[in-house]
Amino acid sequence: MGFRLMTDLLNEYKLAKWPLLTIFPIYYRPSTEVFIKPSTVKEIIEFFELKEIKYNPRPTFEFYHAYREKIMEMKQAAHISLQGGNAEFCGFLKMMAENPEGLEALFDKI
């Protein structure tokens, strides 16, 4: 209900944008919430073939919830060193999407 209320309020001023809606929740709960930066989210969805999640530029709680659940699932499957905050984890996923060969070489050395 809170997400929809914030979206409706900001929409009146044409400010209902993903970054603005998600910056404060992740600041207060970095291991639970996610920050939606459209370019990063689209790259992650495409690279990891998350076909069950459809990005929409118009903020909806349904997308936010589905994306957050998938990030939490992926984070739980990752090495313990990557299980910090969700912003950092999503940054790592974006780096993987941008340069998978470089990361494979890194993991070969570990």
PDB file of N, CA and C in Angstrom:
ATOM      1  N   MET A   1       0.821  -1.184   0.000  1.00  0.00           N
ATOM      2  CA  MET A   1       0.000   0.000   0.000  1.00  0.00           C
ATOM      3  C   MET A   1       0.874   1.262   0.000  1.00  0.00           C
ATOM      4  N   GLY A   2       1.971   1.240   0.753  1.00  0.00           N
ATOM      5  CA  GLY A   2       2.852   2.398   0.828  1.00  0.00           C
ATOM      6  C   GLY A   2       3.508   2.724  -0.501  1.00  0.00           C
ATOM      7  N   PHE A   3       3.930   1.687  -1.226  1.00  0.00           N
ATOM      8  CA  PHE A   3       4.565   1.890  -2.527  1.00  0.00           C
ATOM      9  C   PHE A   3       3.585   2.558  -3.488  1.00  0.00           C
ATOM     10  N   ARG A   4       2.366   2.051  -3.507  1.00  0.00           N
ATOM     11  CA  ARG A   4       1.347   2.623  -4.404  1.00  0.00           C
ATOM     12  C   ARG A   4       0.994   4.055  -3.998  1.00  0.00           C
ATOM     13  N   LEU A   5       0.958   4.319  -2.715  1.00  0.00           N
ATOM     14  CA  LEU A   5       0.666   5.659  -2.230  1.00  0.00           C
ATOM     15  C   LEU A   5       1.767   6.639  -2.660  1.00  0.00           C
ATOM     16  N   MET A   6       3.023   6.246  -2.486  1.00  0.00           N
ATOM     17  CA  MET A   6       4.133   7.090  -2.920  1.00  0.00           C
ATOM     18  C   MET A   6       4.093   7.317  -4.429  1.00  0.00           C
ATOM     19  N   THR A   7       3.817   6.259  -5.184  1.00  0.00           N
ATOM     20  CA  THR A   7       3.753   6.369  -6.637  1.00  0.00           C
ATOM     21  C   THR A   7       2.658   7.340  -7.060  1.00  0.00           C
ATOM     22  N   ASP A   8       1.480   7.204  -6.472  1.00  0.00           N
ATOM     23  CA  ASP A   8       0.365   8.096  -6.817  1.00  0.00           C
ATOM     24  C   ASP A   8       0.686   9.542  -6.460  1.00  0.00           C
ATOM     25  N   LEU A   9       1.285   9.752  -5.309  1.00  0.00           N
ATOM     26  CA  LEU A   9       1.627  11.104  -4.873  1.00  0.00           C
ATOM     27  C   LEU A   9       2.649  11.742  -5.823  1.00  0.00           C
ATOM     28  N   LEU A  10       3.720  11.013  -6.127  1.00  0.00           N
ATOM     29  CA  LEU A  10       4.753  11.546  -7.016  1.00  0.00           C
ATOM     30  C   LEU A  10       4.264  11.676  -8.456  1.00  0.00           C
ATOM     31  N   ASN A  11       3.321  10.833  -8.843  1.00  0.00           N
ATOM     32  CA  ASN A  11       2.789  10.874 -10.200  1.00  0.00           C
ATOM     33  C   ASN A  11       2.064  12.193 -10.480  1.00  0.00           C
ATOM     34  N   GLU A  12       1.464  12.774  -9.459  1.00  0.00           N
ATOM     35  CA  GLU A  12       0.783  14.064  -9.618  1.00  0.00           C
ATOM     36  C   GLU A  12       1.740  15.140 -10.124  1.00  0.00           C
ATOM     37  N   TYR A  13       3.016  15.016  -9.779  1.00  0.00           N
ATOM     38  CA  TYR A  13       4.024  16.000 -10.158  1.00  0.00           C
ATOM     39  C   TYR A  13       4.970  15.465 -11.237  1.00  0.00           C
ATOM     40  N   LYS A  14       4.572  14.355 -11.841  1.00  0.00           N
ATOM     41  CA  LYS A  14       5.381  13.704 -12.888  1.00  0.00           C
ATOM     42  C   LYS A  14       6.771  13.329 -12.376  1.00  0.00           C
ATOM     43  N   LEU A  15       6.837  12.901 -11.121  1.00  0.00           N
ATOM     44  CA  LEU A  15       8.095  12.505 -10.495  1.00  0.00           C
ATOM     45  C   LEU A  15       8.131  11.025 -10.130  1.00  0.00           C
ATOM     46  N   ALA A  16       7.128  10.275 -10.520  1.00  0.00           N
ATOM     47  CA  ALA A  16       7.086   8.851 -10.170  1.00  0.00           C
ATOM     48  C   ALA A  16       8.065   8.089 -11.062  1.00  0.00           C
ATOM     49  N   LYS A  17       9.325   8.131 -10.684  1.00  0.00           N
ATOM     50  CA  LYS A  17      10.412   7.462 -11.414  1.00  0.00           C
ATOM     51  C   LYS A  17      11.026   6.417 -10.490  1.00  0.00           C
ATOM     52  N   TRP A  18      11.495   5.336 -11.093  1.00  0.00           N
ATOM     53  CA  TRP A  18      12.073   4.244 -10.312  1.00  0.00           C
ATOM     54  C   TRP A  18      13.162   4.705  -9.340  1.00  0.00           C
ATOM     55  N   PRO A  19      14.165   5.446  -9.782  1.00  0.00           N
ATOM     56  CA  PRO A  19      15.219   5.813  -8.825  1.00  0.00           C
ATOM     57  C   PRO A  19      14.698   6.605  -7.619  1.00  0.00           C
ATOM     58  N   LEU A  20      13.813   7.524  -7.858  1.00  0.00           N
ATOM     59  CA  LEU A  20      13.289   8.339  -6.759  1.00  0.00           C
ATOM     60  C   LEU A  20      12.453   7.508  -5.778  1.00  0.00           C
ATOM     61  N   LEU A  21      11.702   6.555  -6.312  1.00  0.00           N
ATOM     62  CA  LEU A  21      10.861   5.708  -5.450  1.00  0.00           C
ATOM     63  C   LEU A  21      11.652   4.681  -4.650  1.00  0.00           C
ATOM     64  N   THR A  22      12.817   4.312  -5.138  1.00  0.00           N
ATOM     65  CA  THR A  22      13.538   3.207  -4.492  1.00  0.00           C
ATOM     66  C   THR A  22      14.795   3.614  -3.740  1.00  0.00           C
ATOM     67  N   ILE A  23      15.203   4.875  -3.823  1.00  0.00           N
ATOM     68  CA  ILE A  23      16.439   5.281  -3.152  1.00  0.00           C
ATOM     69  C   ILE A  23      16.302   5.276  -1.628  1.00  0.00           C
ATOM     70  N   PHE A  24      15.182   5.747  -1.103  1.00  0.00           N
ATOM     71  CA  PHE A  24      15.028   5.817   0.348  1.00  0.00           C
ATOM     72  C   PHE A  24      14.852   4.441   0.994  1.00  0.00           C
ATOM     73  N   PRO A  25      14.034   3.562   0.434  1.00  0.00           N
ATOM     74  CA  PRO A  25      13.922   2.231   1.064  1.00  0.00           C
ATOM     75  C   PRO A  25      15.250   1.486   1.129  1.00  0.00           C
ATOM     76  N   ILE A  26      16.065   1.551   0.062  1.00  0.00           N
ATOM     77  CA  ILE A  26      17.339   0.814   0.108  1.00  0.00           C
ATOM     78  C   ILE A  26      18.328   1.477   1.063  1.00  0.00           C
ATOM     79  N   TYR A  27      18.214   2.767   1.249  1.00  0.00           N
ATOM     80  CA  TYR A  27      19.075   3.459   2.209  1.00  0.00           C
ATOM     81  C   TYR A  27      18.811   2.950   3.625  1.00  0.00           C
ATOM     82  N   TYR A  28      17.557   2.727   3.951  1.00  0.00           N
ATOM     83  CA  TYR A  28      17.189   2.297   5.300  1.00  0.00           C
ATOM     84  C   TYR A  28      17.251   0.785   5.495  1.00  0.00           C
ATOM     85  N   ARG A  29      17.068   0.029   4.421  1.00  0.00           N
ATOM     86  CA  ARG A  29      17.097  -1.437   4.534  1.00  0.00           C
ATOM     87  C   ARG A  29      17.905  -2.022   3.372  1.00  0.00           C
ATOM     88  N   PRO A  30      19.240  -1.815   3.363  1.00  0.00           N
ATOM     89  CA  PRO A  30      20.064  -2.189   2.215  1.00  0.00           C
ATOM     90  C   PRO A  30      20.147  -3.686   1.916  1.00  0.00           C
ATOM     91  N   SER A  31      19.861  -4.517   2.882  1.00  0.00           N
ATOM     92  CA  SER A  31      19.915  -5.963   2.641  1.00  0.00           C
ATOM     93  C   SER A  31      18.553  -6.544   2.291  1.00  0.00           C
ATOM     94  N   THR A  32      17.523  -5.718   2.313  1.00  0.00           N
ATOM     95  CA  THR A  32      16.162  -6.192   2.060  1.00  0.00           C
ATOM     96  C   THR A  32      15.557  -5.580   0.800  1.00  0.00           C
ATOM     97  N   GLU A  33      15.778  -4.278   0.620  1.00  0.00           N
ATOM     98  CA  GLU A  33      15.170  -3.566  -0.506  1.00  0.00           C
ATOM     99  C   GLU A  33      16.133  -3.527  -1.689  1.00  0.00           C
ATOM    100  N   VAL A  34      15.634  -3.125  -2.846  1.00  0.00           N
ATOM    101  CA  VAL A  34      16.478  -2.986  -4.032  1.00  0.00           C
ATOM    102  C   VAL A  34      16.323  -1.583  -4.606  1.00  0.00           C
ATOM    103  N   PHE A  35      17.392  -1.128  -5.252  1.00  0.00           N
ATOM    104  CA  PHE A  35      17.382   0.151  -5.937  1.00  0.00           C
ATOM    105  C   PHE A  35      17.156  -0.133  -7.413  1.00  0.00           C
ATOM    106  N   ILE A  36      16.163   0.498  -7.985  1.00  0.00           N
ATOM    107  CA  ILE A  36      15.838   0.271  -9.389  1.00  0.00           C
ATOM    108  C   ILE A  36      16.441   1.397 -10.219  1.00  0.00           C
ATOM    109  N   LYS A  37      17.544   1.099 -10.859  1.00  0.00           N
ATOM    110  CA  LYS A  37      18.130   1.994 -11.861  1.00  0.00           C
ATOM    111  C   LYS A  37      17.805   1.334 -13.198  1.00  0.00           C
ATOM    112  N   PRO A  38      16.950   1.943 -13.993  1.00  0.00           N
ATOM    113  CA  PRO A  38      16.434   1.272 -15.191  1.00  0.00           C
ATOM    114  C   PRO A  38      17.476   0.602 -16.076  1.00  0.00           C
ATOM    115  N   SER A  39      18.562   1.280 -16.404  1.00  0.00           N
ATOM    116  CA  SER A  39      19.549   0.663 -17.302  1.00  0.00           C
ATOM    117  C   SER A  39      20.169  -0.586 -16.675  1.00  0.00           C
ATOM    118  N   THR A  40      20.473  -0.537 -15.396  1.00  0.00           N
ATOM    119  CA  THR A  40      21.050  -1.690 -14.696  1.00  0.00           C
ATOM    120  C   THR A  40      20.057  -2.838 -14.634  1.00  0.00           C
ATOM    121  N   VAL A  41      18.831  -2.538 -14.286  1.00  0.00           N
ATOM    122  CA  VAL A  41      17.803  -3.577 -14.173  1.00  0.00           C
ATOM    123  C   VAL A  41      17.571  -4.266 -15.515  1.00  0.00           C
ATOM    124  N   LYS A  42      17.492  -3.484 -16.581  1.00  0.00           N
ATOM    125  CA  LYS A  42      17.272  -4.074 -17.907  1.00  0.00           C
ATOM    126  C   LYS A  42      18.438  -4.978 -18.311  1.00  0.00           C
ATOM    127  N   GLU A  43      19.676  -4.552 -18.005  1.00  0.00           N
ATOM    128  CA  GLU A  43      20.842  -5.391 -18.308  1.00  0.00           C
ATOM    129  C   GLU A  43      20.803  -6.701 -17.535  1.00  0.00           C
ATOM    130  N   ILE A  44      20.483  -6.630 -16.257  1.00  0.00           N
ATOM    131  CA  ILE A  44      20.430  -7.837 -15.417  1.00  0.00           C
ATOM    132  C   ILE A  44      19.347  -8.784 -15.924  1.00  0.00           C
ATOM    133  N   ILE A  45      18.175  -8.255 -16.223  1.00  0.00           N
ATOM    134  CA  ILE A  45      17.073  -9.090 -16.711  1.00  0.00           C
ATOM    135  C   ILE A  45      17.455  -9.778 -18.020  1.00  0.00           C
ATOM    136  N   GLU A  46      18.084  -9.031 -18.925  1.00  0.00           N
ATOM    137  CA  GLU A  46      18.460  -9.605 -20.217  1.00  0.00           C
ATOM    138  C   GLU A  46      19.585 -10.634 -20.078  1.00  0.00           C
ATOM    139  N   PHE A  47      20.655 -10.269 -19.358  1.00  0.00           N
ATOM    140  CA  PHE A  47      21.818 -11.142 -19.257  1.00  0.00           C
ATOM    141  C   PHE A  47      21.485 -12.456 -18.554  1.00  0.00           C
ATOM    142  N   PHE A  48      20.715 -12.388 -17.477  1.00  0.00           N
ATOM    143  CA  PHE A  48      20.395 -13.588 -16.720  1.00  0.00           C
ATOM    144  C   PHE A  48      19.101 -14.256 -17.195  1.00  0.00           C
ATOM    145  N   GLU A  49      18.556 -13.740 -18.296  1.00  0.00           N
ATOM    146  CA  GLU A  49      17.367 -14.318 -18.934  1.00  0.00           C
ATOM    147  C   GLU A  49      16.236 -14.532 -17.935  1.00  0.00           C
ATOM    148  N   LEU A  50      15.897 -13.472 -17.222  1.00  0.00           N
ATOM    149  CA  LEU A  50      14.819 -13.522 -16.236  1.00  0.00           C
ATOM    150  C   LEU A  50      13.497 -13.263 -16.953  1.00  0.00           C
ATOM    151  N   LYS A  51      13.067 -14.232 -17.715  1.00  0.00           N
ATOM    152  CA  LYS A  51      11.898 -14.083 -18.578  1.00  0.00           C
ATOM    153  C   LYS A  51      10.595 -13.873 -17.808  1.00  0.00           C
ATOM    154  N   GLU A  52      10.549 -14.305 -16.569  1.00  0.00           N
ATOM    155  CA  GLU A  52       9.329 -14.159 -15.773  1.00  0.00           C
ATOM    156  C   GLU A  52       9.152 -12.726 -15.252  1.00  0.00           C
ATOM    157  N   ILE A  53      10.181 -11.894 -15.435  1.00  0.00           N
ATOM    158  CA  ILE A  53      10.118 -10.514 -14.968  1.00  0.00           C
ATOM    159  C   ILE A  53      10.118  -9.592 -16.184  1.00  0.00           C
ATOM    160  N   LYS A  54       9.102  -8.775 -16.297  1.00  0.00           N
ATOM    161  CA  LYS A  54       8.978  -7.831 -17.414  1.00  0.00           C
ATOM    162  C   LYS A  54       9.151  -6.412 -16.887  1.00  0.00           C
ATOM    163  N   TYR A  55      10.233  -5.754 -17.317  1.00  0.00           N
ATOM    164  CA  TYR A  55      10.484  -4.376 -16.882  1.00  0.00           C
ATOM    165  C   TYR A  55       9.451  -3.446 -17.512  1.00  0.00           C
ATOM    166  N   ASN A  56       8.990  -2.491 -16.710  1.00  0.00           N
ATOM    167  CA  ASN A  56       8.067  -1.471 -17.177  1.00  0.00           C
ATOM    168  C   ASN A  56       8.577  -0.136 -16.641  1.00  0.00           C
ATOM    169  N   PRO A  57       8.742   0.873 -17.501  1.00  0.00           N
ATOM    170  CA  PRO A  57       9.233   2.155 -16.993  1.00  0.00           C
ATOM    171  C   PRO A  57       8.281   2.816 -15.993  1.00  0.00           C
ATOM    172  N   ARG A  58       7.032   2.449 -16.053  1.00  0.00           N
ATOM    173  CA  ARG A  58       6.069   2.982 -15.075  1.00  0.00           C
ATOM    174  C   ARG A  58       6.169   2.137 -13.801  1.00  0.00           C
ATOM    175  N   PRO A  59       6.531   2.732 -12.680  1.00  0.00           N
ATOM    176  CA  PRO A  59       6.715   1.968 -11.446  1.00  0.00           C
ATOM    177  C   PRO A  59       5.443   1.256 -10.976  1.00  0.00           C
ATOM    178  N   THR A  60       5.590  -0.029 -10.693  1.00  0.00           N
ATOM    179  CA  THR A  60       4.505  -0.817 -10.107  1.00  0.00           C
ATOM    180  C   THR A  60       5.088  -1.666  -8.984  1.00  0.00           C
ATOM    181  N   PHE A  61       4.290  -1.896  -7.962  1.00  0.00           N
ATOM    182  CA  PHE A  61       4.754  -2.735  -6.862  1.00  0.00           C
ATOM    183  C   PHE A  61       4.942  -4.173  -7.324  1.00  0.00           C
ATOM    184  N   GLU A  62       4.139  -4.623  -8.273  1.00  0.00           N
ATOM    185  CA  GLU A  62       4.245  -6.002  -8.760  1.00  0.00           C
ATOM    186  C   GLU A  62       5.633  -6.264  -9.342  1.00  0.00           C
ATOM    187  N   PHE A  63       6.121  -5.335 -10.164  1.00  0.00           N
ATOM    188  CA  PHE A  63       7.459  -5.507 -10.724  1.00  0.00           C
ATOM    189  C   PHE A  63       8.506  -5.431  -9.617  1.00  0.00           C
ATOM    190  N   TYR A  64       8.375  -4.433  -8.749  1.00  0.00           N
ATOM    191  CA  TYR A  64       9.346  -4.250  -7.676  1.00  0.00           C
ATOM    192  C   TYR A  64       9.452  -5.523  -6.832  1.00  0.00           C
ATOM    193  N   HIS A  65       8.323  -6.068  -6.463  1.00  0.00           N
ATOM    194  CA  HIS A  65       8.297  -7.277  -5.633  1.00  0.00           C
ATOM    195  C   HIS A  65       8.950  -8.455  -6.361  1.00  0.00           C
ATOM    196  N   ALA A  66       8.592  -8.657  -7.630  1.00  0.00           N
ATOM    197  CA  ALA A  66       9.148  -9.780  -8.393  1.00  0.00           C
ATOM    198  C   ALA A  66      10.655  -9.633  -8.565  1.00  0.00           C
ATOM    199  N   TYR A  67      11.115  -8.426  -8.881  1.00  0.00           N
ATOM    200  CA  TYR A  67      12.544  -8.188  -9.070  1.00  0.00           C
ATOM    201  C   TYR A  67      13.296  -8.369  -7.748  1.00  0.00           C
ATOM    202  N   ARG A  68      12.759  -7.837  -6.667  1.00  0.00           N
ATOM    203  CA  ARG A  68      13.399  -7.977  -5.362  1.00  0.00           C
ATOM    204  C   ARG A  68      13.503  -9.451  -4.964  1.00  0.00           C
ATOM    205  N   GLU A  69      12.451 -10.201  -5.185  1.00  0.00           N
ATOM    206  CA  GLU A  69      12.477 -11.636  -4.853  1.00  0.00           C
ATOM    207  C   GLU A  69      13.552 -12.362  -5.659  1.00  0.00           C
ATOM    208  N   LYS A  70      13.679 -12.044  -6.939  1.00  0.00           N
ATOM    209  CA  LYS A  70      14.680 -12.703  -7.787  1.00  0.00           C
ATOM    210  C   LYS A  70      16.092 -12.314  -7.343  1.00  0.00           C
ATOM    211  N   ILE A  71      16.306 -11.048  -7.004  1.00  0.00           N
ATOM    212  CA  ILE A  71      17.624 -10.612  -6.518  1.00  0.00           C
ATOM    213  C   ILE A  71      17.967 -11.332  -5.216  1.00  0.00           C
ATOM    214  N   MET A  72      17.008 -11.447  -4.312  1.00  0.00           N
ATOM    215  CA  MET A  72      17.256 -12.141  -3.045  1.00  0.00           C
ATOM    216  C   MET A  72      17.577 -13.619  -3.287  1.00  0.00           C
ATOM    217  N   GLU A  73      16.877 -14.238  -4.214  1.00  0.00           N
ATOM    218  CA  GLU A  73      17.134 -15.646  -4.558  1.00  0.00           C
ATOM    219  C   GLU A  73      18.538 -15.804  -5.133  1.00  0.00           C
ATOM    220  N   MET A  74      18.924 -14.921  -6.040  1.00  0.00           N
ATOM    221  CA  MET A  74      20.259 -14.992  -6.642  1.00  0.00           C
ATOM    222  C   MET A  74      21.342 -14.727  -5.593  1.00  0.00           C
ATOM    223  N   LYS A  75      21.084 -13.791  -4.709  1.00  0.00           N
ATOM    224  CA  LYS A  75      22.058 -13.449  -3.675  1.00  0.00           C
ATOM    225  C   LYS A  75      22.280 -14.623  -2.726  1.00  0.00           C
ATOM    226  N   GLN A  76      21.223 -15.326  -2.381  1.00  0.00           N
ATOM    227  CA  GLN A  76      21.356 -16.481  -1.495  1.00  0.00           C
ATOM    228  C   GLN A  76      22.167 -17.599  -2.139  1.00  0.00           C
ATOM    229  N   ALA A  77      22.134 -17.670  -3.480  1.00  0.00           N
ATOM    230  CA  ALA A  77      22.882 -18.706  -4.194  1.00  0.00           C
ATOM    231  C   ALA A  77      24.339 -18.303  -4.422  1.00  0.00           C
ATOM    232  N   ALA A  78      24.666 -17.033  -4.191  1.00  0.00           N
ATOM    233  CA  ALA A  78      26.018 -16.528  -4.440  1.00  0.00           C
ATOM    234  C   ALA A  78      26.946 -16.831  -3.261  1.00  0.00           C
ATOM    235  N   HIS A  79      28.221 -16.651  -3.508  1.00  0.00           N
ATOM    236  CA  HIS A  79      29.231 -16.826  -2.465  1.00  0.00           C
ATOM    237  C   HIS A  79      28.943 -15.859  -1.317  1.00  0.00           C
ATOM    238  N   ILE A  80      29.275 -16.252  -0.105  1.00  0.00           N
ATOM    239  CA  ILE A  80      29.000 -15.454   1.100  1.00  0.00           C
ATOM    240  C   ILE A  80      29.604 -14.049   1.007  1.00  0.00           C
ATOM    241  N   SER A  81      30.713 -13.912   0.313  1.00  0.00           N
ATOM    242  CA  SER A  81      31.357 -12.599   0.195  1.00  0.00           C
ATOM    243  C   SER A  81      30.528 -11.612  -0.630  1.00  0.00           C
ATOM    244  N   LEU A  82      29.567 -12.119  -1.384  1.00  0.00           N
ATOM    245  CA  LEU A  82      28.704 -11.267  -2.214  1.00  0.00           C
ATOM    246  C   LEU A  82      27.354 -11.007  -1.571  1.00  0.00           C
ATOM    247  N   GLN A  83      27.140 -11.492  -0.371  1.00  0.00           N
ATOM    248  CA  GLN A  83      25.819 -11.407   0.243  1.00  0.00           C
ATOM    249  C   GLN A  83      25.656 -10.208   1.173  1.00  0.00           C
ATOM    250  N   GLY A  84      26.269  -9.097   0.826  1.00  0.00           N
ATOM    251  CA  GLY A  84      26.111  -7.868   1.606  1.00  0.00           C
ATOM    252  C   GLY A  84      24.834  -7.158   1.207  1.00  0.00           C
ATOM    253  N   GLY A  85      24.960  -5.884   0.933  1.00  0.00           N
ATOM    254  CA  GLY A  85      23.800  -5.095   0.535  1.00  0.00           C
ATOM    255  C   GLY A  85      23.350  -5.400  -0.887  1.00  0.00           C
ATOM    256  N   ASN A  86      22.097  -5.165  -1.146  1.00  0.00           N
ATOM    257  CA  ASN A  86      21.538  -5.459  -2.459  1.00  0.00           C
ATOM    258  C   ASN A  86      22.052  -4.522  -3.547  1.00  0.00           C
ATOM    259  N   ALA A  87      22.355  -3.267  -3.216  1.00  0.00           N
ATOM    260  CA  ALA A  87      22.897  -2.347  -4.223  1.00  0.00           C
ATOM    261  C   ALA A  87      24.253  -2.852  -4.713  1.00  0.00           C
ATOM    262  N   GLU A  88      25.088  -3.292  -3.788  1.00  0.00           N
ATOM    263  CA  GLU A  88      26.397  -3.822  -4.168  1.00  0.00           C
ATOM    264  C   GLU A  88      26.255  -5.092  -4.995  1.00  0.00           C
ATOM    265  N   PHE A  89      25.331  -5.949  -4.583  1.00  0.00           N
ATOM    266  CA  PHE A  89      25.128  -7.194  -5.309  1.00  0.00           C
ATOM    267  C   PHE A  89      24.641  -6.920  -6.731  1.00  0.00           C
ATOM    268  N   CYS A  90      23.714  -5.983  -6.883  1.00  0.00           N
ATOM    269  CA  CYS A  90      23.217  -5.642  -8.227  1.00  0.00           C
ATOM    270  C   CYS A  90      24.318  -5.007  -9.061  1.00  0.00           C
ATOM    271  N   GLY A  91      25.196  -4.230  -8.432  1.00  0.00           N
ATOM    272  CA  GLY A  91      26.352  -3.685  -9.145  1.00  0.00           C
ATOM    273  C   GLY A  91      27.249  -4.791  -9.650  1.00  0.00           C
ATOM    274  N   PHE A  92      27.450  -5.814  -8.831  1.00  0.00           N
ATOM    275  CA  PHE A  92      28.248  -6.966  -9.248  1.00  0.00           C
ATOM    276  C   PHE A  92      27.583  -7.679 -10.425  1.00  0.00           C
ATOM    277  N   LEU A  93      26.264  -7.856 -10.359  1.00  0.00           N
ATOM    278  CA  LEU A  93      25.553  -8.509 -11.468  1.00  0.00           C
ATOM    279  C   LEU A  93      25.681  -7.701 -12.753  1.00  0.00           C
ATOM    280  N   LYS A  94      25.626  -6.378 -12.628  1.00  0.00           N
ATOM    281  CA  LYS A  94      25.779  -5.512 -13.802  1.00  0.00           C
ATOM    282  C   LYS A  94      27.178  -5.678 -14.395  1.00  0.00           C
ATOM    283  N   MET A  95      28.201  -5.743 -13.540  1.00  0.00           N
ATOM    284  CA  MET A  95      29.562  -5.957 -14.043  1.00  0.00           C
ATOM    285  C   MET A  95      29.670  -7.289 -14.762  1.00  0.00           C
ATOM    286  N   MET A  96      29.011  -8.314 -14.236  1.00  0.00           N
ATOM    287  CA  MET A  96      29.028  -9.613 -14.904  1.00  0.00           C
ATOM    288  C   MET A  96      28.381  -9.511 -16.281  1.00  0.00           C
ATOM    289  N   ALA A  97      27.276  -8.797 -16.355  1.00  0.00           N
ATOM    290  CA  ALA A  97      26.566  -8.650 -17.628  1.00  0.00           C
ATOM    291  C   ALA A  97      27.409  -7.881 -18.637  1.00  0.00           C
ATOM    292  N   GLU A  98      28.164  -6.895 -18.176  1.00  0.00           N
ATOM    293  CA  GLU A  98      28.970  -6.076 -19.076  1.00  0.00           C
ATOM    294  C   GLU A  98      30.247  -6.755 -19.528  1.00  0.00           C
ATOM    295  N   ASN A  99      30.812  -7.635 -18.701  1.00  0.00           N
ATOM    296  CA  ASN A  99      32.093  -8.246 -19.035  1.00  0.00           C
ATOM    297  C   ASN A  99      32.181  -9.662 -18.469  1.00  0.00           C
ATOM    298  N   PRO A 100      31.400 -10.592 -19.004  1.00  0.00           N
ATOM    299  CA  PRO A 100      31.422 -11.949 -18.443  1.00  0.00           C
ATOM    300  C   PRO A 100      32.764 -12.658 -18.599  1.00  0.00           C
ATOM    301  N   GLU A 101      33.515 -12.360 -19.658  1.00  0.00           N
ATOM    302  CA  GLU A 101      34.810 -13.022 -19.860  1.00  0.00           C
ATOM    303  C   GLU A 101      35.811 -12.611 -18.786  1.00  0.00           C
ATOM    304  N   GLY A 102      35.827 -11.336 -18.447  1.00  0.00           N
ATOM    305  CA  GLY A 102      36.744 -10.845 -17.415  1.00  0.00           C
ATOM    306  C   GLY A 102      36.445 -11.456 -16.064  1.00  0.00           C
ATOM    307  N   LEU A 103      35.185 -11.621 -15.763  1.00  0.00           N
ATOM    308  CA  LEU A 103      34.826 -12.215 -14.469  1.00  0.00           C
ATOM    309  C   LEU A 103      35.136 -13.703 -14.434  1.00  0.00           C
ATOM    310  N   GLU A 104      34.995 -14.384 -15.563  1.00  0.00           N
ATOM    311  CA  GLU A 104      35.358 -15.805 -15.588  1.00  0.00           C
ATOM    312  C   GLU A 104      36.840 -15.969 -15.285  1.00  0.00           C
ATOM    313  N   ALA A 105      37.687 -15.073 -15.837  1.00  0.00           N
ATOM    314  CA  ALA A 105      39.122 -15.133 -15.560  1.00  0.00           C
ATOM    315  C   ALA A 105      39.397 -14.869 -14.089  1.00  0.00           C
ATOM    316  N   LEU A 106      38.667 -13.950 -13.493  1.00  0.00           N
ATOM    317  CA  LEU A 106      38.828 -13.652 -12.078  1.00  0.00           C
ATOM    318  C   LEU A 106      38.507 -14.895 -11.232  1.00  0.00           C
ATOM    319  N   PHE A 107      37.409 -15.572 -11.553  1.00  0.00           N
ATOM    320  CA  PHE A 107      37.024 -16.742 -10.771  1.00  0.00           C
ATOM    321  C   PHE A 107      37.983 -17.909 -10.981  1.00  0.00           C
ATOM    322  N   ASP A 108      38.633 -17.987 -12.126  1.00  0.00           N
ATOM    323  CA  ASP A 108      39.624 -19.042 -12.351  1.00  0.00           C
ATOM    324  C   ASP A 108      40.802 -18.890 -11.397  1.00  0.00           C
ATOM    325  N   LYS A 109      41.104 -17.652 -10.998  1.00  0.00           N
ATOM    326  CA  LYS A 109      42.247 -17.391 -10.122  1.00  0.00           C
ATOM    327  C   LYS A 109      41.907 -17.607  -8.652  1.00  0.00           C
ATOM    328  N   ILE A 110      40.635 -17.629  -8.317  1.00  0.00           N
ATOM    329  CA  ILE A 110      40.237 -17.765  -6.911  1.00  0.00           C
ATOM    330  C   ILE A 110      40.211 -19.224  -6.510  1.00  0.00           C
TER     331      ILE A 110
END
